[in-house]
Amino acid sequence: MMRRVGMLLVMLMLTGAAFAVAVDEKPLDDPAMEATARELMKDIRCLVCQNQSIEDSNADLARDLRQVVRERIAKGDSADDVRAYLVARYGDWVLLEPPVKPRTYFLWASPFLFLALVLIALARRRRAGPPAPLSAEEEAELKHILADEESEK
């Protein structure tokens, strides 16, 4: 019982860290602007971690990008303006969900291409039918191998 209570307390302490702002970061004074900045940070990829948003990352570059986002929002830029600024600097890669355009068609189509390849492979496998039965020689060899394994135990 005490172990469960201890685990619960540890989990509760760790959940607070999920909503914390890093110690060296200063949130915007206007709560609405800070909320806009935080929402935008969820859509921007950490260029070091690559599969995390800058809001979730502890990398130095992510911290710098969070600061850039806050500065741009404080200057009056909209979320779209900040996205455009970051895309101009780092390319579409900086967005966790890149836009659909000719340069990203393969990226967006790749899951469907992979699915098509899997379906083709499955169809070929079905068409091949069940494997052929073992020949008499193969059957004898299998029995010999199994007997050897049984005697080793």
Protein backbone atom coordinates (compact mmCIF):
# COMPACT_ATOMS: atom_id res chain seq x y z
CA MET A 1 0.00 0.00 0.00
CA MET A 2 2.78 2.43 0.92
CA ARG A 3 4.55 1.63 -2.34
CA ARG A 4 1.46 2.58 -4.34
CA VAL A 5 1.08 5.84 -2.42
CA GLY A 6 4.75 6.61 -3.04
CA MET A 7 4.40 5.92 -6.75
CA LEU A 8 1.31 8.12 -6.90
CA LEU A 9 3.15 10.99 -5.21
CA VAL A 10 6.07 10.69 -7.64
CA MET A 11 3.70 10.73 -10.62
CA LEU A 12 1.90 13.79 -9.29
CA MET A 13 5.19 15.64 -8.82
CA LEU A 14 6.29 14.79 -12.36
CA THR A 15 3.06 16.02 -13.97
CA GLY A 16 3.76 19.55 -12.80
CA ALA A 17 6.95 19.61 -14.85
CA ALA A 18 4.97 19.01 -18.02
CA PHE A 19 3.35 22.44 -17.76
CA ALA A 20 6.35 24.34 -16.49
CA VAL A 21 8.29 26.94 -18.42
CA ALA A 22 12.05 26.48 -18.36
CA VAL A 23 13.77 28.45 -15.61
CA ASP A 24 15.74 30.66 -17.97
CA GLU A 25 12.71 31.54 -20.08
CA LYS A 26 10.49 34.49 -19.38
CA PRO A 27 6.87 34.06 -20.49
CA LEU A 28 5.11 36.99 -22.11
CA ASP A 29 3.33 39.39 -19.75
CA ASP A 30 0.08 39.22 -21.73
CA PRO A 31 -1.57 35.82 -21.04
CA ALA A 32 -3.36 35.85 -24.42
CA MET A 33 -0.07 36.44 -26.27
CA GLU A 34 1.65 33.73 -24.21
CA ALA A 35 -1.18 31.31 -25.03
CA THR A 36 -0.80 32.14 -28.74
CA ALA A 37 2.95 31.60 -28.52
CA ARG A 38 2.55 28.29 -26.68
CA GLU A 39 0.02 27.02 -29.25
CA LEU A 40 2.41 27.99 -32.05
CA MET A 41 5.32 26.25 -30.31
CA LYS A 42 3.39 22.96 -30.52
CA ASP A 43 3.50 23.19 -34.34
CA ILE A 44 7.21 24.00 -34.68
CA ARG A 45 9.68 21.09 -34.92
CA CYS A 46 12.76 20.99 -32.75
CA LEU A 47 15.57 20.87 -35.28
CA VAL A 48 17.75 18.90 -32.87
CA CYS A 49 15.22 16.33 -31.60
CA GLN A 50 13.44 16.22 -34.98
CA ASN A 51 10.26 14.54 -33.80
CA GLN A 52 9.38 16.84 -30.91
CA SER A 53 7.87 20.26 -30.89
CA ILE A 54 9.97 23.11 -29.53
CA GLU A 55 7.51 23.31 -26.65
CA ASP A 56 8.37 19.76 -25.55
CA SER A 57 12.11 19.86 -26.21
CA ASN A 58 14.86 20.77 -23.76
CA ALA A 59 17.48 21.35 -26.47
CA ASP A 60 19.26 24.70 -26.52
CA LEU A 61 18.10 25.42 -30.07
CA ALA A 62 14.49 24.72 -29.07
CA ARG A 63 14.86 27.19 -26.19
CA ASP A 64 16.22 29.78 -28.64
CA LEU A 65 13.34 29.16 -31.04
CA ARG A 66 10.81 29.51 -28.20
CA GLN A 67 12.38 32.87 -27.42
CA VAL A 68 12.18 33.91 -31.09
CA VAL A 69 8.50 32.93 -31.18
CA ARG A 70 7.79 34.97 -28.05
CA GLU A 71 9.70 37.98 -29.39
CA ARG A 72 7.84 37.91 -32.71
CA ILE A 73 4.46 37.55 -30.98
CA ALA A 74 5.35 40.41 -28.61
CA LYS A 75 6.17 42.61 -31.63
CA GLY A 76 2.65 42.00 -32.92
CA ASP A 77 3.27 39.29 -35.52
CA SER A 78 0.45 36.82 -36.05
CA ALA A 79 0.99 33.08 -35.75
CA ASP A 80 1.07 32.84 -39.55
CA ASP A 81 3.70 35.59 -39.73
CA VAL A 82 5.89 33.74 -37.22
CA ARG A 83 5.46 30.46 -39.14
CA ALA A 84 6.41 32.23 -42.39
CA TYR A 85 9.47 33.76 -40.70
CA LEU A 86 10.65 30.38 -39.42
CA VAL A 87 9.96 28.63 -42.75
CA ALA A 88 11.93 31.33 -44.56
CA ARG A 89 14.88 30.65 -42.24
CA TYR A 90 14.72 26.86 -41.86
CA GLY A 91 12.46 25.61 -44.66
CA ASP A 92 9.27 23.55 -44.44
CA TRP A 93 11.14 21.05 -42.25
CA VAL A 94 10.63 23.33 -39.24
CA LEU A 95 6.88 22.66 -39.33
CA LEU A 96 5.71 19.46 -37.64
CA GLU A 97 3.00 19.24 -40.30
CA PRO A 98 4.50 20.47 -43.58
CA PRO A 99 2.15 21.97 -46.18
CA VAL A 100 1.01 19.95 -49.19
CA LYS A 101 2.83 21.35 -52.21
CA PRO A 102 4.92 19.89 -55.07
CA ARG A 103 8.06 19.66 -52.93
CA THR A 104 6.23 17.62 -50.26
CA TYR A 105 4.00 15.40 -52.42
CA PHE A 106 6.22 12.34 -51.89
CA LEU A 107 6.24 12.96 -48.13
CA TRP A 108 2.45 13.02 -47.99
CA ALA A 109 2.02 10.12 -50.45
CA SER A 110 4.60 7.80 -48.89
CA PRO A 111 2.23 6.15 -46.36
CA PHE A 112 -0.18 5.29 -49.18
CA LEU A 113 2.67 4.00 -51.36
CA PHE A 114 3.87 1.81 -48.49
CA LEU A 115 0.35 0.47 -47.97
CA ALA A 116 0.08 -0.32 -51.69
CA LEU A 117 3.38 -2.24 -51.57
CA VAL A 118 2.20 -4.25 -48.56
CA LEU A 119 -1.09 -5.09 -50.30
CA ILE A 120 0.75 -6.19 -53.45
CA ALA A 121 3.07 -8.40 -51.39
CA LEU A 122 0.12 -9.98 -49.59
CA ALA A 123 -1.70 -10.61 -52.87
CA ARG A 124 1.38 -12.30 -54.34
CA ARG A 125 1.75 -14.43 -51.24
CA ARG A 126 -1.86 -15.62 -51.45
CA ARG A 127 -1.49 -16.40 -55.13
CA ALA A 128 1.57 -18.57 -54.43
CA GLY A 129 -0.53 -20.99 -52.37
CA PRO A 130 0.58 -23.20 -49.50
CA PRO A 131 4.14 -24.49 -49.41
CA ALA A 132 4.86 -27.87 -51.00
CA PRO A 133 4.90 -30.86 -48.62
CA LEU A 134 8.24 -32.24 -47.48
CA SER A 135 9.86 -34.96 -49.54
CA ALA A 136 10.69 -38.31 -47.97
CA GLU A 137 14.35 -37.27 -47.59
CA GLU A 138 13.41 -33.99 -45.93
CA GLU A 139 10.99 -35.77 -43.63
CA ALA A 140 13.71 -38.23 -42.56
CA GLU A 141 16.21 -35.40 -42.00
CA LEU A 142 13.69 -33.51 -39.88
CA LYS A 143 13.02 -36.57 -37.72
CA HIS A 144 16.79 -37.06 -37.30
CA ILE A 145 17.28 -33.42 -36.21
CA LEU A 146 14.38 -33.58 -33.77
CA ALA A 147 15.68 -36.85 -32.32
CA ASP A 148 19.15 -35.29 -31.83
CA GLU A 149 17.64 -32.29 -30.05
CA GLU A 150 15.53 -34.55 -27.84
CA SER A 151 18.56 -36.66 -26.87
CA GLU A 152 20.56 -33.50 -25.95
CA LYS A 153 17.95 -32.50 -23.38
